[in-house]
PDB file of N, CA and C in Angstrom:
ATOM      1  N   UNK A   1       0.844  -1.190  -0.161  1.00  0.00           N
ATOM      2  CA  UNK A   1       0.096   0.020  -0.076  1.00  0.00           C
ATOM      3  C   UNK A   1       0.946   1.244   0.079  1.00  0.00           C
ATOM      4  N   UNK A   2       0.639   2.284  -0.689  1.00  0.00           N
ATOM      5  CA  UNK A   2       1.316   3.493  -0.711  1.00  0.00           C
ATOM      6  C   UNK A   2       0.940   4.322   0.444  1.00  0.00           C
ATOM      7  N   UNK A   3       1.825   5.258   0.777  1.00  0.00           N
ATOM      8  CA  UNK A   3       1.424   5.904   2.033  1.00  0.00           C
ATOM      9  C   UNK A   3       0.936   7.045   1.448  1.00  0.00           C
ATOM     10  N   UNK A   4      -0.401   7.387   1.968  1.00  0.00           N
ATOM     11  CA  UNK A   4      -1.260   8.590   1.580  1.00  0.00           C
ATOM     12  C   UNK A   4      -2.242   8.974   2.643  1.00  0.00           C
ATOM     13  N   UNK A   5      -2.805  10.019   2.610  1.00  0.00           N
ATOM     14  CA  UNK A   5      -3.793  10.452   3.693  1.00  0.00           C
ATOM     15  C   UNK A   5      -4.948   9.605   3.397  1.00  0.00           C
ATOM     16  N   UNK A   6      -5.620   9.570   2.493  1.00  0.00           N
ATOM     17  CA  UNK A   6      -6.946   8.618   2.285  1.00  0.00           C
ATOM     18  C   UNK A   6      -6.986   8.520   0.663  1.00  0.00           C
ATOM     19  N   UNK A   7      -7.944   7.723   0.286  1.00  0.00           N
ATOM     20  CA  UNK A   7      -8.112   7.113  -1.092  1.00  0.00           C
ATOM     21  C   UNK A   7      -9.566   6.966  -1.159  1.00  0.00           C
ATOM     22  N   UNK A   8     -10.176   7.589  -1.959  1.00  0.00           N
ATOM     23  CA  UNK A   8     -11.651   7.587  -2.066  1.00  0.00           C
ATOM     24  C   UNK A   8     -12.035   6.548  -3.331  1.00  0.00           C
ATOM     25  N   UNK A   9     -12.841   5.625  -3.003  1.00  0.00           N
ATOM     26  CA  UNK A   9     -13.412   4.789  -4.165  1.00  0.00           C
ATOM     27  C   UNK A   9     -14.824   4.694  -4.333  1.00  0.00           C
ATOM     28  N   UNK A  10     -15.333   4.570  -5.266  1.00  0.00           N
ATOM     29  CA  UNK A  10     -16.841   4.672  -5.526  1.00  0.00           C
ATOM     30  C   UNK A  10     -17.157   3.223  -5.680  1.00  0.00           C
ATOM     31  N   UNK A  11     -18.143   2.753  -4.541  1.00  0.00           N
ATOM     32  CA  UNK A  11     -18.559   1.437  -4.632  1.00  0.00           C
ATOM     33  C   UNK A  11     -20.106   1.613  -4.619  1.00  0.00           C
ATOM     34  N   UNK A  12     -20.778   1.233  -5.709  1.00  0.00           N
ATOM     35  CA  UNK A  12     -22.128   1.549  -5.935  1.00  0.00           C
ATOM     36  C   UNK A  12     -22.388   2.935  -5.821  1.00  0.00           C
ATOM     37  N   UNK A  13     -23.410   3.291  -5.006  1.00  0.00           N
ATOM     38  CA  UNK A  13     -23.795   4.733  -4.681  1.00  0.00           C
ATOM     39  C   UNK A  13     -22.856   5.433  -3.616  1.00  0.00           C
ATOM     40  N   UNK A  14     -22.040   4.700  -3.103  1.00  0.00           N
ATOM     41  CA  UNK A  14     -21.296   5.153  -1.991  1.00  0.00           C
ATOM     42  C   UNK A  14     -19.827   5.567  -2.283  1.00  0.00           C
ATOM     43  N   UNK A  15     -19.460   6.582  -1.683  1.00  0.00           N
ATOM     44  CA  UNK A  15     -18.045   6.923  -1.751  1.00  0.00           C
ATOM     45  C   UNK A  15     -17.400   6.507  -0.472  1.00  0.00           C
ATOM     46  N   UNK A  16     -16.374   5.797  -0.558  1.00  0.00           N
ATOM     47  CA  UNK A  16     -15.682   4.994   0.624  1.00  0.00           C
ATOM     48  C   UNK A  16     -14.259   5.548   0.669  1.00  0.00           C
ATOM     49  N   UNK A  17     -13.889   6.075   1.816  1.00  0.00           N
ATOM     50  CA  UNK A  17     -12.395   6.583   2.017  1.00  0.00           C
ATOM     51  C   UNK A  17     -11.832   5.294   2.743  1.00  0.00           C
ATOM     52  N   UNK A  18     -10.571   5.056   2.058  1.00  0.00           N
ATOM     53  CA  UNK A  18      -9.814   4.045   2.536  1.00  0.00           C
ATOM     54  C   UNK A  18      -8.603   4.638   3.078  1.00  0.00           C
ATOM     55  N   UNK A  19      -8.023   4.133   4.161  1.00  0.00           N
ATOM     56  CA  UNK A  19      -6.947   4.638   4.862  1.00  0.00           C
ATOM     57  C   UNK A  19      -5.857   3.605   4.965  1.00  0.00           C
ATOM     58  N   UNK A  20      -4.722   3.863   4.443  1.00  0.00           N
ATOM     59  CA  UNK A  20      -3.585   2.878   4.620  1.00  0.00           C
ATOM     60  C   UNK A  20      -2.924   2.896   5.967  1.00  0.00           C
ATOM     61  N   UNK A  21      -3.573   2.326   7.016  1.00  0.00           N
ATOM     62  CA  UNK A  21      -2.985   2.228   8.370  1.00  0.00           C
ATOM     63  C   UNK A  21      -2.039   1.126   8.344  1.00  0.00           C
ATOM     64  N   UNK A  22      -1.028   1.264   9.344  1.00  0.00           N
ATOM     65  CA  UNK A  22       0.058   0.143   9.583  1.00  0.00           C
ATOM     66  C   UNK A  22      -0.603  -1.249  10.014  1.00  0.00           C
ATOM     67  N   UNK A  23      -1.674  -1.138  10.945  1.00  0.00           N
ATOM     68  CA  UNK A  23      -2.523  -2.283  11.268  1.00  0.00           C
ATOM     69  C   UNK A  23      -3.083  -2.841   9.951  1.00  0.00           C
ATOM     70  N   UNK A  24      -3.795  -2.243   9.058  1.00  0.00           N
ATOM     71  CA  UNK A  24      -4.484  -2.770   7.893  1.00  0.00           C
ATOM     72  C   UNK A  24      -3.257  -3.283   6.846  1.00  0.00           C
ATOM     73  N   UNK A  25      -2.241  -2.513   6.713  1.00  0.00           N
ATOM     74  CA  UNK A  25      -1.186  -2.928   5.947  1.00  0.00           C
ATOM     75  C   UNK A  25      -0.553  -4.433   6.410  1.00  0.00           C
ATOM     76  N   UNK A  26      -0.288  -4.376   7.661  1.00  0.00           N
ATOM     77  CA  UNK A  26       0.244  -5.722   8.351  1.00  0.00           C
ATOM     78  C   UNK A  26      -0.628  -6.714   8.190  1.00  0.00           C
ATOM     79  N   UNK A  27      -1.788  -6.670   8.474  1.00  0.00           N
ATOM     80  CA  UNK A  27      -2.702  -7.651   8.266  1.00  0.00           C
ATOM     81  C   UNK A  27      -2.779  -8.212   6.986  1.00  0.00           C
ATOM     82  N   UNK A  28      -3.194  -7.288   5.948  1.00  0.00           N
ATOM     83  CA  UNK A  28      -3.281  -7.766   4.612  1.00  0.00           C
ATOM     84  C   UNK A  28      -2.016  -8.392   4.042  1.00  0.00           C
ATOM     85  N   UNK A  29      -0.774  -7.877   4.399  1.00  0.00           N
ATOM     86  CA  UNK A  29       0.351  -8.368   3.896  1.00  0.00           C
ATOM     87  C   UNK A  29       0.705  -9.854   4.388  1.00  0.00           C
ATOM     88  N   UNK A  30       0.353  -9.949   5.688  1.00  0.00           N
ATOM     89  CA  UNK A  30       0.354 -11.485   6.248  1.00  0.00           C
ATOM     90  C   UNK A  30      -0.608 -12.301   5.685  1.00  0.00           C
ATOM     91  N   UNK A  31      -1.830 -11.899   5.684  1.00  0.00           N
ATOM     92  CA  UNK A  31      -2.947 -12.708   5.029  1.00  0.00           C
ATOM     93  C   UNK A  31      -2.776 -13.265   3.685  1.00  0.00           C
ATOM     94  N   UNK A  32      -2.227 -12.366   2.935  1.00  0.00           N
ATOM     95  CA  UNK A  32      -1.985 -12.642   1.295  1.00  0.00           C
ATOM     96  C   UNK A  32      -0.578 -12.710   1.005  1.00  0.00           C
ATOM     97  N   UNK A  33       0.276 -12.906   2.001  1.00  0.00           N
ATOM     98  CA  UNK A  33       1.707 -13.160   1.605  1.00  0.00           C
ATOM     99  C   UNK A  33       2.193 -11.966   0.545  1.00  0.00           C
ATOM    100  N   UNK A  34       1.983 -10.899   0.696  1.00  0.00           N
ATOM    101  CA  UNK A  34       2.330  -9.710   0.078  1.00  0.00           C
ATOM    102  C   UNK A  34       1.207  -8.922  -0.663  1.00  0.00           C
ATOM    103  N   UNK A  35       1.453  -7.696  -1.074  1.00  0.00           N
ATOM    104  CA  UNK A  35       0.482  -6.944  -1.705  1.00  0.00           C
ATOM    105  C   UNK A  35       0.164  -7.266  -3.132  1.00  0.00           C
ATOM    106  N   UNK A  36       1.156  -7.886  -3.877  1.00  0.00           N
ATOM    107  CA  UNK A  36       1.050  -8.208  -5.106  1.00  0.00           C
ATOM    108  C   UNK A  36      -0.094  -9.232  -5.145  1.00  0.00           C
ATOM    109  N   UNK A  37       0.076 -10.164  -4.297  1.00  0.00           N
ATOM    110  CA  UNK A  37      -0.912 -11.301  -4.253  1.00  0.00           C
ATOM    111  C   UNK A  37      -2.353 -10.823  -4.156  1.00  0.00           C
ATOM    112  N   UNK A  38      -2.356  -9.898  -3.116  1.00  0.00           N
ATOM    113  CA  UNK A  38      -3.710  -9.264  -2.838  1.00  0.00           C
ATOM    114  C   UNK A  38      -4.192  -8.651  -4.092  1.00  0.00           C
ATOM    115  N   UNK A  39      -3.598  -7.900  -4.789  1.00  0.00           N
ATOM    116  CA  UNK A  39      -3.903  -7.220  -6.003  1.00  0.00           C
ATOM    117  C   UNK A  39      -4.423  -8.149  -7.124  1.00  0.00           C
ATOM    118  N   UNK A  40      -3.484  -9.311  -7.213  1.00  0.00           N
ATOM    119  CA  UNK A  40      -3.783 -10.271  -8.259  1.00  0.00           C
ATOM    120  C   UNK A  40      -5.160 -10.989  -7.940  1.00  0.00           C
ATOM    121  N   UNK A  41      -5.366 -11.168  -6.641  1.00  0.00           N
ATOM    122  CA  UNK A  41      -6.663 -11.956  -6.341  1.00  0.00           C
ATOM    123  C   UNK A  41      -7.959 -11.022  -6.616  1.00  0.00           C
ATOM    124  N   UNK A  42      -7.858  -9.730  -6.265  1.00  0.00           N
ATOM    125  CA  UNK A  42      -8.856  -8.802  -6.530  1.00  0.00           C
ATOM    126  C   UNK A  42      -8.962  -8.604  -7.973  1.00  0.00           C
ATOM    127  N   UNK A  43      -7.967  -8.530  -8.795  1.00  0.00           N
ATOM    128  CA  UNK A  43      -7.971  -8.628 -10.099  1.00  0.00           C
ATOM    129  C   UNK A  43      -8.648  -9.772 -10.717  1.00  0.00           C
ATOM    130  N   UNK A  44      -8.447 -10.923  -9.966  1.00  0.00           N
ATOM    131  CA  UNK A  44      -9.257 -12.289 -10.519  1.00  0.00           C
ATOM    132  C   UNK A  44     -10.458 -12.202  -9.877  1.00  0.00           C
ATOM    133  N   UNK A  45     -11.041 -11.217  -9.440  1.00  0.00           N
ATOM    134  CA  UNK A  45     -12.489 -11.242  -8.964  1.00  0.00           C
ATOM    135  C   UNK A  45     -12.738 -11.982  -7.802  1.00  0.00           C
ATOM    136  N   UNK A  46     -11.776 -12.136  -6.876  1.00  0.00           N
ATOM    137  CA  UNK A  46     -12.013 -12.855  -5.565  1.00  0.00           C
ATOM    138  C   UNK A  46     -12.652 -11.869  -4.666  1.00  0.00           C
ATOM    139  N   UNK A  47     -13.915 -12.216  -4.384  1.00  0.00           N
ATOM    140  CA  UNK A  47     -14.721 -11.153  -3.676  1.00  0.00           C
ATOM    141  C   UNK A  47     -14.192 -11.077  -2.263  1.00  0.00           C
ATOM    142  N   UNK A  48     -13.825 -12.105  -1.733  1.00  0.00           N
ATOM    143  CA  UNK A  48     -13.189 -12.137  -0.161  1.00  0.00           C
ATOM    144  C   UNK A  48     -12.094 -11.090  -0.200  1.00  0.00           C
ATOM    145  N   UNK A  49     -11.116 -11.075  -1.155  1.00  0.00           N
ATOM    146  CA  UNK A  49      -9.928 -10.251  -1.084  1.00  0.00           C
ATOM    147  C   UNK A  49     -10.405  -8.776  -1.210  1.00  0.00           C
ATOM    148  N   UNK A  50     -11.274  -8.605  -2.036  1.00  0.00           N
ATOM    149  CA  UNK A  50     -11.721  -7.132  -2.194  1.00  0.00           C
ATOM    150  C   UNK A  50     -12.545  -6.600  -0.742  1.00  0.00           C
ATOM    151  N   UNK A  51     -13.160  -7.579  -0.203  1.00  0.00           N
ATOM    152  CA  UNK A  51     -13.895  -7.234   1.142  1.00  0.00           C
ATOM    153  C   UNK A  51     -13.013  -7.151   2.031  1.00  0.00           C
ATOM    154  N   UNK A  52     -11.926  -8.011   2.284  1.00  0.00           N
ATOM    155  CA  UNK A  52     -10.930  -7.853   3.151  1.00  0.00           C
ATOM    156  C   UNK A  52     -10.078  -6.447   3.241  1.00  0.00           C
ATOM    157  N   UNK A  53      -9.864  -6.122   1.855  1.00  0.00           N
ATOM    158  CA  UNK A  53      -9.248  -4.787   1.897  1.00  0.00           C
ATOM    159  C   UNK A  53     -10.177  -3.553   2.366  1.00  0.00           C
ATOM    160  N   UNK A  54     -11.526  -3.558   1.983  1.00  0.00           N
ATOM    161  CA  UNK A  54     -12.400  -2.566   2.346  1.00  0.00           C
ATOM    162  C   UNK A  54     -12.578  -2.520   3.735  1.00  0.00           C
ATOM    163  N   UNK A  55     -12.811  -3.775   4.350  1.00  0.00           N
ATOM    164  CA  UNK A  55     -12.990  -3.938   5.884  1.00  0.00           C
ATOM    165  C   UNK A  55     -11.829  -3.277   6.653  1.00  0.00           C
ATOM    166  N   UNK A  56     -10.536  -3.666   6.089  1.00  0.00           N
ATOM    167  CA  UNK A  56      -9.373  -3.329   6.914  1.00  0.00           C
ATOM    168  C   UNK A  56      -9.084  -1.923   6.818  1.00  0.00           C
ATOM    169  N   UNK A  57      -9.507  -1.020   5.575  1.00  0.00           N
ATOM    170  CA  UNK A  57      -8.944   0.077   5.583  1.00  0.00           C
ATOM    171  C   UNK A  57     -10.128   1.290   5.549  1.00  0.00           C
ATOM    172  N   UNK A  58     -11.386   0.823   5.574  1.00  0.00           N
ATOM    173  CA  UNK A  58     -12.403   1.774   5.649  1.00  0.00           C
ATOM    174  C   UNK A  58     -12.912   1.860   7.018  1.00  0.00           C
ATOM    175  N   UNK A  59     -13.575   3.096   7.203  1.00  0.00           N
ATOM    176  CA  UNK A  59     -14.201   3.329   8.565  1.00  0.00           C
ATOM    177  C   UNK A  59     -15.356   2.658   8.831  1.00  0.00           C
ATOM    178  N   UNK A  60     -16.072   2.483   7.760  1.00  0.00           N
ATOM    179  CA  UNK A  60     -17.471   1.755   7.805  1.00  0.00           C
ATOM    180  C   UNK A  60     -17.343   0.805   6.401  1.00  0.00           C
ATOM    181  N   UNK A  61     -17.959  -0.382   6.486  1.00  0.00           N
ATOM    182  CA  UNK A  61     -18.288  -1.159   5.240  1.00  0.00           C
ATOM    183  C   UNK A  61     -19.493  -0.669   4.694  1.00  0.00           C
ATOM    184  N   UNK A  62     -19.476  -0.158   3.565  1.00  0.00           N
ATOM    185  CA  UNK A  62     -20.596   0.145   2.695  1.00  0.00           C
ATOM    186  C   UNK A  62     -21.699  -1.074   2.430  1.00  0.00           C
ATOM    187  N   UNK A  63     -22.835  -0.718   2.468  1.00  0.00           N
ATOM    188  CA  UNK A  63     -23.874  -1.735   2.043  1.00  0.00           C
ATOM    189  C   UNK A  63     -23.868  -1.725   0.515  1.00  0.00           C
ATOM    190  N   UNK A  64     -23.253  -2.842  -0.046  1.00  0.00           N
ATOM    191  CA  UNK A  64     -23.088  -2.935  -1.484  1.00  0.00           C
ATOM    192  C   UNK A  64     -23.368  -4.385  -1.902  1.00  0.00           C
ATOM    193  N   UNK A  65     -23.464  -4.461  -3.041  1.00  0.00           N
ATOM    194  CA  UNK A  65     -23.651  -6.032  -3.601  1.00  0.00           C
ATOM    195  C   UNK A  65     -22.374  -6.349  -4.144  1.00  0.00           C
ATOM    196  N   UNK A  66     -22.227  -7.821  -4.271  1.00  0.00           N
ATOM    197  CA  UNK A  66     -20.794  -8.291  -4.710  1.00  0.00           C
ATOM    198  C   UNK A  66     -20.597  -7.595  -6.150  1.00  0.00           C
ATOM    199  N   UNK A  67     -21.535  -7.633  -6.970  1.00  0.00           N
ATOM    200  CA  UNK A  67     -21.239  -6.922  -8.383  1.00  0.00           C
ATOM    201  C   UNK A  67     -20.655  -5.470  -8.154  1.00  0.00           C
ATOM    202  N   UNK A  68     -21.220  -4.749  -7.290  1.00  0.00           N
ATOM    203  CA  UNK A  68     -20.854  -3.288  -7.102  1.00  0.00           C
ATOM    204  C   UNK A  68     -19.325  -3.343  -6.495  1.00  0.00           C
ATOM    205  N   UNK A  69     -19.156  -4.162  -5.623  1.00  0.00           N
ATOM    206  CA  UNK A  69     -17.739  -4.192  -5.021  1.00  0.00           C
ATOM    207  C   UNK A  69     -16.720  -4.652  -6.265  1.00  0.00           C
ATOM    208  N   UNK A  70     -16.947  -5.791  -6.809  1.00  0.00           N
ATOM    209  CA  UNK A  70     -16.092  -6.270  -7.861  1.00  0.00           C
ATOM    210  C   UNK A  70     -15.806  -5.164  -9.045  1.00  0.00           C
ATOM    211  N   UNK A  71     -16.943  -4.266  -9.249  1.00  0.00           N
ATOM    212  CA  UNK A  71     -16.866  -3.226 -10.496  1.00  0.00           C
ATOM    213  C   UNK A  71     -16.077  -2.303  -9.948  1.00  0.00           C
ATOM    214  N   UNK A  72     -15.710  -2.199  -8.655  1.00  0.00           N
ATOM    215  CA  UNK A  72     -14.402  -1.112  -8.242  1.00  0.00           C
ATOM    216  C   UNK A  72     -13.162  -1.773  -8.089  1.00  0.00           C
ATOM    217  N   UNK A  73     -12.955  -2.890  -8.637  1.00  0.00           N
ATOM    218  CA  UNK A  73     -11.716  -3.595  -8.381  1.00  0.00           C
ATOM    219  C   UNK A  73     -10.471  -2.882  -9.094  1.00  0.00           C
ATOM    220  N   UNK A  74     -10.770  -2.074 -10.184  1.00  0.00           N
ATOM    221  CA  UNK A  74      -9.454  -1.317 -10.538  1.00  0.00           C
ATOM    222  C   UNK A  74      -9.145  -0.263  -9.554  1.00  0.00           C
ATOM    223  N   UNK A  75     -10.087   0.369  -8.985  1.00  0.00           N
ATOM    224  CA  UNK A  75      -9.842   1.459  -7.936  1.00  0.00           C
ATOM    225  C   UNK A  75      -9.298   0.855  -6.817  1.00  0.00           C
ATOM    226  N   UNK A  76      -9.634  -0.310  -6.210  1.00  0.00           N
ATOM    227  CA  UNK A  76      -9.078  -1.107  -5.265  1.00  0.00           C
ATOM    228  C   UNK A  76      -7.658  -1.458  -5.411  1.00  0.00           C
ATOM    229  N   UNK A  77      -7.195  -1.975  -6.745  1.00  0.00           N
ATOM    230  CA  UNK A  77      -6.091  -2.343  -7.083  1.00  0.00           C
ATOM    231  C   UNK A  77      -5.186  -1.179  -6.904  1.00  0.00           C
ATOM    232  N   UNK A  78      -5.655   0.090  -7.581  1.00  0.00           N
ATOM    233  CA  UNK A  78      -4.897   1.378  -7.620  1.00  0.00           C
ATOM    234  C   UNK A  78      -4.518   1.698  -5.981  1.00  0.00           C
ATOM    235  N   UNK A  79      -5.501   1.277  -5.050  1.00  0.00           N
ATOM    236  CA  UNK A  79      -5.200   1.755  -3.764  1.00  0.00           C
ATOM    237  C   UNK A  79      -3.936   0.612  -3.201  1.00  0.00           C
ATOM    238  N   UNK A  80      -3.935  -0.563  -3.532  1.00  0.00           N
ATOM    239  CA  UNK A  80      -3.114  -1.432  -3.155  1.00  0.00           C
ATOM    240  C   UNK A  80      -1.704  -1.196  -3.565  1.00  0.00           C
ATOM    241  N   UNK A  81      -1.504  -0.861  -5.025  1.00  0.00           N
ATOM    242  CA  UNK A  81      -0.251  -0.824  -5.693  1.00  0.00           C
ATOM    243  C   UNK A  81      -0.072   0.667  -5.869  1.00  0.00           C
TER     244      UNK A  81
END
């Protein structure tokens, strides 16, 4: 994850601010054995990887469908890499 104040993604009708905290980075890096693997999983439309990223980095998890979350995958990958 890049160091930045916040990164806003559009998921369905919701704008969600993602914050790259040390806790989130550590958790995601350990779970996915690196950020490239996380990005590859999101790119391959693995819903759980996208949801893990959102839950780890957003203040609140938006109410959205699987399709809406996966439609934002390019934005999510942009946040990771």
